[in-house]
Structures are given as C-alpha cells and as structure tokens.
C-alpha cells in the first residue's frame, strides 16, 4: 500500500510525542501490506473499523484515532486526520466531504 501525505501525518503526530513509535510502526505495516478489503486490514488491526468512507484505527489503546481513506483497488491510503479521543467524539471530522 502507498500512504499519501506521510509528511502531514508525521507533522501532526509530532504534536503527540507519546505516539511517535506507534505511528511509525503503523506506517511500516501499511507500506508492506497488500490489503484487498477491510477484512484484510482487521487481520492486522482487529479494532480498525469503517466509518462512512473512512477507516479508523485506534492508536495507543483508544487514546487517539487515525482516520484514513483506503482505495483497495489502487492500493492507496490517504491520511485524513489524527485526533485525540475527545476530538474524535466531537464528530467534526464527519463534515469532511469525502465522509
């Protein structure tokens, strides 16, 4: 899989030093993956879930949420948001036109 906007994700993650390793590990996993569906994602990240057109990953338990769009056909993962649990629960990210 190819992650679009890794630079932006790293910039956002820099705000939260406690998750730097988890984000880098997630990125390494994405790069070597050949996901065909959400079921494939859930074999690696069992808590990953589809919400609208996005896939949501729990980071550091559920302290943070990493939200991406995955196009399984083109093998591209589009970074959208990295939110704290509290920010995620406000649902503002659901106003994204891609949602």
PDB file of N, CA and C in Angstrom:
ATOM      1  N   UNK A   1       0.852  -1.169   0.000  1.00  0.00           N
ATOM      2  CA  UNK A   1       0.000   0.000   0.000  1.00  0.00           C
ATOM      3  C   UNK A   1       0.904   1.240   0.000  1.00  0.00           C
ATOM      4  N   UNK A   2       0.384   2.302  -0.570  1.00  0.00           N
ATOM      5  CA  UNK A   2       1.123   3.564  -0.635  1.00  0.00           C
ATOM      6  C   UNK A   2       0.368   4.605   0.182  1.00  0.00           C
ATOM      7  N   UNK A   3       1.046   5.193   1.162  1.00  0.00           N
ATOM      8  CA  UNK A   3       0.411   6.200   2.012  1.00  0.00           C
ATOM      9  C   UNK A   3       0.602   7.581   1.411  1.00  0.00           C
ATOM     10  N   UNK A   4      -0.497   8.252   1.162  1.00  0.00           N
ATOM     11  CA  UNK A   4      -0.478   9.627   0.670  1.00  0.00           C
ATOM     12  C   UNK A   4      -0.460  10.546   1.894  1.00  0.00           C
ATOM     13  N   UNK A   5       0.453  11.486   1.908  1.00  0.00           N
ATOM     14  CA  UNK A   5       0.564  12.505   2.961  1.00  0.00           C
ATOM     15  C   UNK A   5       1.264  12.018   4.221  1.00  0.00           C
ATOM     16  N   UNK A   6       2.288  11.192   4.076  1.00  0.00           N
ATOM     17  CA  UNK A   6       3.044  10.754   5.251  1.00  0.00           C
ATOM     18  C   UNK A   6       3.685  11.950   5.943  1.00  0.00           C
ATOM     19  N   UNK A   7       4.136  12.930   5.184  1.00  0.00           N
ATOM     20  CA  UNK A   7       4.745  14.113   5.795  1.00  0.00           C
ATOM     21  C   UNK A   7       3.743  14.819   6.711  1.00  0.00           C
ATOM     22  N   UNK A   8       2.521  14.986   6.238  1.00  0.00           N
ATOM     23  CA  UNK A   8       1.487  15.634   7.047  1.00  0.00           C
ATOM     24  C   UNK A   8       1.174  14.811   8.285  1.00  0.00           C
ATOM     25  N   UNK A   9       1.087  13.508   8.133  1.00  0.00           N
ATOM     26  CA  UNK A   9       0.838  12.646   9.290  1.00  0.00           C
ATOM     27  C   UNK A   9       1.959  12.793  10.314  1.00  0.00           C
ATOM     28  N   UNK A  10       3.190  12.792   9.865  1.00  0.00           N
ATOM     29  CA  UNK A  10       4.313  12.932  10.798  1.00  0.00           C
ATOM     30  C   UNK A  10       4.291  14.294  11.496  1.00  0.00           C
ATOM     31  N   UNK A  11       3.917  15.337  10.766  1.00  0.00           N
ATOM     32  CA  UNK A  11       3.814  16.665  11.383  1.00  0.00           C
ATOM     33  C   UNK A  11       2.738  16.679  12.460  1.00  0.00           C
ATOM     34  N   UNK A  12       1.603  16.078  12.170  1.00  0.00           N
ATOM     35  CA  UNK A  12       0.520  16.006  13.157  1.00  0.00           C
ATOM     36  C   UNK A  12       0.930  15.151  14.351  1.00  0.00           C
ATOM     37  N   UNK A  13       1.570  14.031  14.087  1.00  0.00           N
ATOM     38  CA  UNK A  13       1.978  13.121  15.158  1.00  0.00           C
ATOM     39  C   UNK A  13       3.031  13.754  16.060  1.00  0.00           C
ATOM     40  N   UNK A  14       3.819  14.680  15.528  1.00  0.00           N
ATOM     41  CA  UNK A  14       4.850  15.345  16.333  1.00  0.00           C
ATOM     42  C   UNK A  14       4.243  16.122  17.504  1.00  0.00           C
ATOM     43  N   UNK A  15       2.979  16.465  17.400  1.00  0.00           N
ATOM     44  CA  UNK A  15       2.286  17.157  18.500  1.00  0.00           C
ATOM     45  C   UNK A  15       2.070  16.229  19.689  1.00  0.00           C
ATOM     46  N   UNK A  16       2.161  14.933  19.439  1.00  0.00           N
ATOM     47  CA  UNK A  16       1.882  13.921  20.464  1.00  0.00           C
ATOM     48  C   UNK A  16       3.067  12.955  20.554  1.00  0.00           C
ATOM     49  N   UNK A  17       4.136  13.343  21.247  1.00  0.00           N
ATOM     50  CA  UNK A  17       5.344  12.502  21.292  1.00  0.00           C
ATOM     51  C   UNK A  17       5.102  11.088  21.816  1.00  0.00           C
ATOM     52  N   UNK A  18       4.050  10.907  22.581  1.00  0.00           N
ATOM     53  CA  UNK A  18       3.783   9.584  23.158  1.00  0.00           C
ATOM     54  C   UNK A  18       3.321   8.556  22.132  1.00  0.00           C
ATOM     55  N   UNK A  19       3.027   8.991  20.899  1.00  0.00           N
ATOM     56  CA  UNK A  19       2.568   8.027  19.890  1.00  0.00           C
ATOM     57  C   UNK A  19       3.490   7.942  18.670  1.00  0.00           C
ATOM     58  N   UNK A  20       4.634   8.589  18.730  1.00  0.00           N
ATOM     59  CA  UNK A  20       5.536   8.592  17.573  1.00  0.00           C
ATOM     60  C   UNK A  20       5.862   7.177  17.110  1.00  0.00           C
ATOM     61  N   UNK A  21       6.232   6.306  18.035  1.00  0.00           N
ATOM     62  CA  UNK A  21       6.590   4.933  17.660  1.00  0.00           C
ATOM     63  C   UNK A  21       5.403   4.191  17.060  1.00  0.00           C
ATOM     64  N   UNK A  22       4.219   4.343  17.637  1.00  0.00           N
ATOM     65  CA  UNK A  22       3.039   3.655  17.111  1.00  0.00           C
ATOM     66  C   UNK A  22       2.718   4.113  15.686  1.00  0.00           C
ATOM     67  N   UNK A  23       2.873   5.405  15.428  1.00  0.00           N
ATOM     68  CA  UNK A  23       2.607   5.928  14.080  1.00  0.00           C
ATOM     69  C   UNK A  23       3.630   5.370  13.093  1.00  0.00           C
ATOM     70  N   UNK A  24       4.893   5.357  13.462  1.00  0.00           N
ATOM     71  CA  UNK A  24       5.925   4.816  12.565  1.00  0.00           C
ATOM     72  C   UNK A  24       5.722   3.323  12.328  1.00  0.00           C
ATOM     73  N   UNK A  25       5.361   2.587  13.366  1.00  0.00           N
ATOM     74  CA  UNK A  25       5.082   1.153  13.202  1.00  0.00           C
ATOM     75  C   UNK A  25       3.885   0.936  12.288  1.00  0.00           C
ATOM     76  N   UNK A  26       2.848   1.742  12.463  1.00  0.00           N
ATOM     77  CA  UNK A  26       1.659   1.653  11.608  1.00  0.00           C
ATOM     78  C   UNK A  26       2.055   1.905  10.152  1.00  0.00           C
ATOM     79  N   UNK A  27       2.858   2.945   9.928  1.00  0.00           N
ATOM     80  CA  UNK A  27       3.293   3.287   8.577  1.00  0.00           C
ATOM     81  C   UNK A  27       4.091   2.143   7.940  1.00  0.00           C
ATOM     82  N   UNK A  28       5.000   1.544   8.689  1.00  0.00           N
ATOM     83  CA  UNK A  28       5.782   0.417   8.162  1.00  0.00           C
ATOM     84  C   UNK A  28       4.870  -0.743   7.775  1.00  0.00           C
ATOM     85  N   UNK A  29       3.862  -0.988   8.583  1.00  0.00           N
ATOM     86  CA  UNK A  29       2.912  -2.062   8.280  1.00  0.00           C
ATOM     87  C   UNK A  29       2.131  -1.747   7.012  1.00  0.00           C
ATOM     88  N   UNK A  30       1.671  -0.512   6.888  1.00  0.00           N
ATOM     89  CA  UNK A  30       0.913  -0.109   5.694  1.00  0.00           C
ATOM     90  C   UNK A  30       1.760  -0.302   4.443  1.00  0.00           C
ATOM     91  N   UNK A  31       3.013   0.140   4.477  1.00  0.00           N
ATOM     92  CA  UNK A  31       3.883   0.053   3.303  1.00  0.00           C
ATOM     93  C   UNK A  31       4.054  -1.368   2.792  1.00  0.00           C
ATOM     94  N   UNK A  32       4.102  -2.329   3.693  1.00  0.00           N
ATOM     95  CA  UNK A  32       4.340  -3.707   3.254  1.00  0.00           C
ATOM     96  C   UNK A  32       3.050  -4.495   3.037  1.00  0.00           C
ATOM     97  N   UNK A  33       1.915  -3.869   3.265  1.00  0.00           N
ATOM     98  CA  UNK A  33       0.628  -4.568   3.153  1.00  0.00           C
ATOM     99  C   UNK A  33       0.089  -4.567   1.733  1.00  0.00           C
ATOM    100  N   UNK A  34      -0.761  -5.535   1.462  1.00  0.00           N
ATOM    101  CA  UNK A  34      -1.457  -5.662   0.174  1.00  0.00           C
ATOM    102  C   UNK A  34      -2.947  -5.856   0.448  1.00  0.00           C
ATOM    103  N   UNK A  35      -3.519  -4.974   1.234  1.00  0.00           N
ATOM    104  CA  UNK A  35      -4.911  -5.119   1.636  1.00  0.00           C
ATOM    105  C   UNK A  35      -5.864  -5.075   0.450  1.00  0.00           C
ATOM    106  N   UNK A  36      -6.820  -5.988   0.461  1.00  0.00           N
ATOM    107  CA  UNK A  36      -7.858  -6.050  -0.566  1.00  0.00           C
ATOM    108  C   UNK A  36      -9.209  -5.580  -0.033  1.00  0.00           C
ATOM    109  N   UNK A  37      -9.333  -5.546   1.302  1.00  0.00           N
ATOM    110  CA  UNK A  37     -10.623  -5.217   1.918  1.00  0.00           C
ATOM    111  C   UNK A  37     -10.408  -4.863   3.387  1.00  0.00           C
ATOM    112  N   UNK A  38     -11.463  -4.378   4.009  1.00  0.00           N
ATOM    113  CA  UNK A  38     -11.407  -4.090   5.442  1.00  0.00           C
ATOM    114  C   UNK A  38     -11.091  -5.354   6.233  1.00  0.00           C
ATOM    115  N   UNK A  39     -11.577  -6.485   5.782  1.00  0.00           N
ATOM    116  CA  UNK A  39     -11.271  -7.744   6.472  1.00  0.00           C
ATOM    117  C   UNK A  39      -9.766  -7.993   6.530  1.00  0.00           C
ATOM    118  N   UNK A  40      -9.050  -7.671   5.456  1.00  0.00           N
ATOM    119  CA  UNK A  40      -7.594  -7.818   5.457  1.00  0.00           C
ATOM    120  C   UNK A  40      -6.953  -6.876   6.473  1.00  0.00           C
ATOM    121  N   UNK A  41      -7.445  -5.655   6.531  1.00  0.00           N
ATOM    122  CA  UNK A  41      -6.937  -4.681   7.500  1.00  0.00           C
ATOM    123  C   UNK A  41      -7.144  -5.212   8.916  1.00  0.00           C
ATOM    124  N   UNK A  42      -8.321  -5.763   9.165  1.00  0.00           N
ATOM    125  CA  UNK A  42      -8.669  -6.232  10.508  1.00  0.00           C
ATOM    126  C   UNK A  42      -7.897  -7.480  10.924  1.00  0.00           C
ATOM    127  N   UNK A  43      -7.283  -8.164   9.984  1.00  0.00           N
ATOM    128  CA  UNK A  43      -6.410  -9.284  10.345  1.00  0.00           C
ATOM    129  C   UNK A  43      -5.165  -8.779  11.067  1.00  0.00           C
ATOM    130  N   UNK A  44      -4.768  -7.554  10.754  1.00  0.00           N
ATOM    131  CA  UNK A  44      -3.599  -6.940  11.376  1.00  0.00           C
ATOM    132  C   UNK A  44      -4.015  -6.006  12.514  1.00  0.00           C
ATOM    133  N   UNK A  45      -5.057  -5.227  12.258  1.00  0.00           N
ATOM    134  CA  UNK A  45      -5.574  -4.258  13.232  1.00  0.00           C
ATOM    135  C   UNK A  45      -7.030  -4.609  13.509  1.00  0.00           C
ATOM    136  N   UNK A  46      -7.244  -5.490  14.464  1.00  0.00           N
ATOM    137  CA  UNK A  46      -8.590  -6.027  14.688  1.00  0.00           C
ATOM    138  C   UNK A  46      -9.608  -4.974  15.093  1.00  0.00           C
ATOM    139  N   UNK A  47      -9.143  -3.842  15.664  1.00  0.00           N
ATOM    140  CA  UNK A  47     -10.067  -2.787  16.073  1.00  0.00           C
ATOM    141  C   UNK A  47     -10.351  -1.775  14.968  1.00  0.00           C
ATOM    142  N   UNK A  48      -9.710  -1.919  13.814  1.00  0.00           N
ATOM    143  CA  UNK A  48      -9.971  -0.995  12.709  1.00  0.00           C
ATOM    144  C   UNK A  48     -11.425  -1.140  12.284  1.00  0.00           C
ATOM    145  N   UNK A  49     -12.032  -0.001  11.949  1.00  0.00           N
ATOM    146  CA  UNK A  49     -13.432  -0.059  11.544  1.00  0.00           C
ATOM    147  C   UNK A  49     -13.716   0.952  10.448  1.00  0.00           C
ATOM    148  N   UNK A  50     -14.698   0.633   9.635  1.00  0.00           N
ATOM    149  CA  UNK A  50     -15.156   1.551   8.605  1.00  0.00           C
ATOM    150  C   UNK A  50     -16.184   2.481   9.225  1.00  0.00           C
ATOM    151  N   UNK A  51     -15.984   3.775   9.015  1.00  0.00           N
ATOM    152  CA  UNK A  51     -16.945   4.788   9.451  1.00  0.00           C
ATOM    153  C   UNK A  51     -17.144   5.699   8.250  1.00  0.00           C
ATOM    154  N   UNK A  52     -18.311   5.624   7.636  1.00  0.00           N
ATOM    155  CA  UNK A  52     -18.518   6.333   6.378  1.00  0.00           C
ATOM    156  C   UNK A  52     -17.558   5.765   5.348  1.00  0.00           C
ATOM    157  N   UNK A  53     -16.884   6.648   4.624  1.00  0.00           N
ATOM    158  CA  UNK A  53     -15.899   6.219   3.627  1.00  0.00           C
ATOM    159  C   UNK A  53     -14.490   6.113   4.197  1.00  0.00           C
ATOM    160  N   UNK A  54     -14.355   6.268   5.494  1.00  0.00           N
ATOM    161  CA  UNK A  54     -13.052   6.238   6.140  1.00  0.00           C
ATOM    162  C   UNK A  54     -12.815   4.924   6.864  1.00  0.00           C
ATOM    163  N   UNK A  55     -11.543   4.663   7.141  1.00  0.00           N
ATOM    164  CA  UNK A  55     -11.160   3.578   8.040  1.00  0.00           C
ATOM    165  C   UNK A  55     -10.512   4.234   9.248  1.00  0.00           C
ATOM    166  N   UNK A  56     -10.941   3.818  10.433  1.00  0.00           N
ATOM    167  CA  UNK A  56     -10.472   4.416  11.681  1.00  0.00           C
ATOM    168  C   UNK A  56      -9.639   3.389  12.446  1.00  0.00           C
ATOM    169  N   UNK A  57      -8.443   3.804  12.831  1.00  0.00           N
ATOM    170  CA  UNK A  57      -7.532   2.972  13.613  1.00  0.00           C
ATOM    171  C   UNK A  57      -7.403   3.558  15.013  1.00  0.00           C
ATOM    172  N   UNK A  58      -7.420   2.706  16.015  1.00  0.00           N
ATOM    173  CA  UNK A  58      -7.138   3.125  17.384  1.00  0.00           C
ATOM    174  C   UNK A  58      -5.626   3.163  17.556  1.00  0.00           C
ATOM    175  N   UNK A  59      -5.135   4.241  18.134  1.00  0.00           N
ATOM    176  CA  UNK A  59      -3.711   4.392  18.402  1.00  0.00           C
ATOM    177  C   UNK A  59      -3.539   4.566  19.907  1.00  0.00           C
ATOM    178  N   UNK A  60      -2.597   3.831  20.456  1.00  0.00           N
ATOM    179  CA  UNK A  60      -2.334   3.851  21.901  1.00  0.00           C
ATOM    180  C   UNK A  60      -3.621   3.529  22.658  1.00  0.00           C
ATOM    181  N   UNK A  61      -4.063   2.305  22.455  1.00  0.00           N
ATOM    182  CA  UNK A  61      -5.364   1.898  23.009  1.00  0.00           C
ATOM    183  C   UNK A  61      -6.430   2.607  22.205  1.00  0.00           C
ATOM    184  N   UNK A  62      -7.187   3.438  22.849  1.00  0.00           N
ATOM    185  CA  UNK A  62      -8.104   4.283  22.076  1.00  0.00           C
ATOM    186  C   UNK A  62      -7.929   5.743  22.476  1.00  0.00           C
ATOM    187  N   UNK A  63      -6.696   6.106  22.889  1.00  0.00           N
ATOM    188  CA  UNK A  63      -6.409   7.497  23.245  1.00  0.00           C
ATOM    189  C   UNK A  63      -6.433   8.406  22.021  1.00  0.00           C
ATOM    190  N   UNK A  64      -6.085   7.844  20.856  1.00  0.00           N
ATOM    191  CA  UNK A  64      -6.035   8.606  19.612  1.00  0.00           C
ATOM    192  C   UNK A  64      -6.731   7.811  18.521  1.00  0.00           C
ATOM    193  N   UNK A  65      -7.175   8.535  17.493  1.00  0.00           N
ATOM    194  CA  UNK A  65      -7.781   7.899  16.323  1.00  0.00           C
ATOM    195  C   UNK A  65      -7.049   8.389  15.076  1.00  0.00           C
ATOM    196  N   UNK A  66      -6.626   7.452  14.273  1.00  0.00           N
ATOM    197  CA  UNK A  66      -6.015   7.741  12.984  1.00  0.00           C
ATOM    198  C   UNK A  66      -7.063   7.428  11.930  1.00  0.00           C
ATOM    199  N   UNK A  67      -7.422   8.434  11.145  1.00  0.00           N
ATOM    200  CA  UNK A  67      -8.502   8.297  10.172  1.00  0.00           C
ATOM    201  C   UNK A  67      -7.915   8.425   8.773  1.00  0.00           C
ATOM    202  N   UNK A  68      -8.187   7.427   7.954  1.00  0.00           N
ATOM    203  CA  UNK A  68      -7.661   7.394   6.591  1.00  0.00           C
ATOM    204  C   UNK A  68      -8.759   6.963   5.622  1.00  0.00           C
ATOM    205  N   UNK A  69      -8.531   7.266   4.370  1.00  0.00           N
ATOM    206  CA  UNK A  69      -9.353   6.720   3.299  1.00  0.00           C
ATOM    207  C   UNK A  69      -8.516   5.678   2.582  1.00  0.00           C
ATOM    208  N   UNK A  70      -9.067   4.511   2.342  1.00  0.00           N
ATOM    209  CA  UNK A  70      -8.313   3.452   1.668  1.00  0.00           C
ATOM    210  C   UNK A  70      -8.986   3.119   0.343  1.00  0.00           C
ATOM    211  N   UNK A  71      -8.200   3.180  -0.720  1.00  0.00           N
ATOM    212  CA  UNK A  71      -8.667   2.734  -2.024  1.00  0.00           C
ATOM    213  C   UNK A  71      -7.964   1.401  -2.283  1.00  0.00           C
ATOM    214  N   UNK A  72      -8.684   0.330  -2.061  1.00  0.00           N
ATOM    215  CA  UNK A  72      -8.085  -1.002  -2.176  1.00  0.00           C
ATOM    216  C   UNK A  72      -7.680  -1.313  -3.614  1.00  0.00           C
ATOM    217  N   UNK A  73      -8.410  -0.783  -4.564  1.00  0.00           N
ATOM    218  CA  UNK A  73      -8.128  -1.056  -5.974  1.00  0.00           C
ATOM    219  C   UNK A  73      -6.791  -0.440  -6.409  1.00  0.00           C
ATOM    220  N   UNK A  74      -6.553   0.812  -6.006  1.00  0.00           N
ATOM    221  CA  UNK A  74      -5.316   1.492  -6.401  1.00  0.00           C
ATOM    222  C   UNK A  74      -4.188   1.313  -5.387  1.00  0.00           C
ATOM    223  N   UNK A  75      -4.492   0.640  -4.266  1.00  0.00           N
ATOM    224  CA  UNK A  75      -3.505   0.383  -3.207  1.00  0.00           C
ATOM    225  C   UNK A  75      -3.000   1.674  -2.562  1.00  0.00           C
ATOM    226  N   UNK A  76      -3.897   2.650  -2.406  1.00  0.00           N
ATOM    227  CA  UNK A  76      -3.513   3.924  -1.799  1.00  0.00           C
ATOM    228  C   UNK A  76      -4.277   4.153  -0.508  1.00  0.00           C
ATOM    229  N   UNK A  77      -3.537   4.632   0.478  1.00  0.00           N
ATOM    230  CA  UNK A  77      -4.104   5.000   1.770  1.00  0.00           C
ATOM    231  C   UNK A  77      -3.922   6.508   1.897  1.00  0.00           C
ATOM    232  N   UNK A  78      -5.016   7.229   2.037  1.00  0.00           N
ATOM    233  CA  UNK A  78      -4.983   8.685   2.126  1.00  0.00           C
ATOM    234  C   UNK A  78      -5.153   9.111   3.578  1.00  0.00           C
ATOM    235  N   UNK A  79      -4.096   9.693   4.154  1.00  0.00           N
ATOM    236  CA  UNK A  79      -4.186  10.198   5.521  1.00  0.00           C
ATOM    237  C   UNK A  79      -5.186  11.352   5.559  1.00  0.00           C
ATOM    238  N   UNK A  80      -6.076  11.323   6.545  1.00  0.00           N
ATOM    239  CA  UNK A  80      -7.056  12.394   6.709  1.00  0.00           C
ATOM    240  C   UNK A  80      -6.897  13.121   8.035  1.00  0.00           C
ATOM    241  N   UNK A  81      -6.968  12.387   9.153  1.00  0.00           N
ATOM    242  CA  UNK A  81      -6.959  13.031  10.469  1.00  0.00           C
ATOM    243  C   UNK A  81      -6.248  12.165  11.500  1.00  0.00           C
ATOM    244  N   UNK A  82      -5.597  12.829  12.441  1.00  0.00           N
ATOM    245  CA  UNK A  82      -5.084  12.208  13.650  1.00  0.00           C
ATOM    246  C   UNK A  82      -5.686  13.001  14.797  1.00  0.00           C
ATOM    247  N   UNK A  83      -6.559  12.364  15.559  1.00  0.00           N
ATOM    248  CA  UNK A  83      -7.333  13.063  16.586  1.00  0.00           C
ATOM    249  C   UNK A  83      -7.187  12.393  17.941  1.00  0.00           C
ATOM    250  N   UNK A  84      -7.303  13.196  18.985  1.00  0.00           N
ATOM    251  CA  UNK A  84      -7.421  12.608  20.312  1.00  0.00           C
ATOM    252  C   UNK A  84      -8.804  11.977  20.406  1.00  0.00           C
ATOM    253  N   UNK A  85      -8.978  11.154  21.410  1.00  0.00           N
ATOM    254  CA  UNK A  85     -10.286  10.523  21.619  1.00  0.00           C
ATOM    255  C   UNK A  85     -11.372  11.595  21.771  1.00  0.00           C
ATOM    256  N   UNK A  86     -11.083  12.645  22.522  1.00  0.00           N
ATOM    257  CA  UNK A  86     -12.064  13.717  22.741  1.00  0.00           C
ATOM    258  C   UNK A  86     -12.403  14.439  21.438  1.00  0.00           C
ATOM    259  N   UNK A  87     -11.400  14.727  20.610  1.00  0.00           N
ATOM    260  CA  UNK A  87     -11.649  15.390  19.324  1.00  0.00           C
ATOM    261  C   UNK A  87     -12.481  14.501  18.409  1.00  0.00           C
ATOM    262  N   UNK A  88     -12.158  13.235  18.398  1.00  0.00           N
ATOM    263  CA  UNK A  88     -12.889  12.270  17.572  1.00  0.00           C
ATOM    264  C   UNK A  88     -14.368  12.259  17.953  1.00  0.00           C
ATOM    265  N   UNK A  89     -14.647  12.264  19.238  1.00  0.00           N
ATOM    266  CA  UNK A  89     -16.031  12.193  19.713  1.00  0.00           C
ATOM    267  C   UNK A  89     -16.854  13.426  19.381  1.00  0.00           C
ATOM    268  N   UNK A  90     -16.205  14.534  19.052  1.00  0.00           N
ATOM    269  CA  UNK A  90     -16.944  15.743  18.663  1.00  0.00           C
ATOM    270  C   UNK A  90     -17.549  15.603  17.266  1.00  0.00           C
ATOM    271  N   UNK A  91     -17.087  14.629  16.506  1.00  0.00           N
ATOM    272  CA  UNK A  91     -17.615  14.307  15.174  1.00  0.00           C
ATOM    273  C   UNK A  91     -17.425  15.399  14.122  1.00  0.00           C
ATOM    274  N   UNK A  92     -16.615  16.419  14.372  1.00  0.00           N
ATOM    275  CA  UNK A  92     -16.397  17.464  13.363  1.00  0.00           C
ATOM    276  C   UNK A  92     -15.766  16.896  12.097  1.00  0.00           C
ATOM    277  N   UNK A  93     -14.948  15.860  12.245  1.00  0.00           N
ATOM    278  CA  UNK A  93     -14.284  15.244  11.098  1.00  0.00           C
ATOM    279  C   UNK A  93     -15.293  14.630  10.135  1.00  0.00           C
ATOM    280  N   UNK A  94     -16.490  14.356  10.626  1.00  0.00           N
ATOM    281  CA  UNK A  94     -17.520  13.776   9.760  1.00  0.00           C
ATOM    282  C   UNK A  94     -18.087  14.792   8.774  1.00  0.00           C
ATOM    283  N   UNK A  95     -17.694  16.061   8.899  1.00  0.00           N
ATOM    284  CA  UNK A  95     -18.105  17.083   7.937  1.00  0.00           C
ATOM    285  C   UNK A  95     -17.241  17.067   6.682  1.00  0.00           C
ATOM    286  N   UNK A  96     -16.214  16.246   6.670  1.00  0.00           N
ATOM    287  CA  UNK A  96     -15.351  16.119   5.500  1.00  0.00           C
ATOM    288  C   UNK A  96     -16.201  15.668   4.313  1.00  0.00           C
ATOM    289  N   UNK A  97     -16.059  16.328   3.161  1.00  0.00           N
ATOM    290  CA  UNK A  97     -16.895  15.954   2.008  1.00  0.00           C
ATOM    291  C   UNK A  97     -16.703  14.513   1.546  1.00  0.00           C
ATOM    292  N   UNK A  98     -15.554  13.919   1.847  1.00  0.00           N
ATOM    293  CA  UNK A  98     -15.300  12.535   1.455  1.00  0.00           C
ATOM    294  C   UNK A  98     -16.052  11.556   2.341  1.00  0.00           C
ATOM    295  N   UNK A  99     -16.454  12.010   3.555  1.00  0.00           N
ATOM    296  CA  UNK A  99     -17.119  11.138   4.512  1.00  0.00           C
ATOM    297  C   UNK A  99     -18.354  10.530   3.880  1.00  0.00           C
TER     298      UNK A  99
END
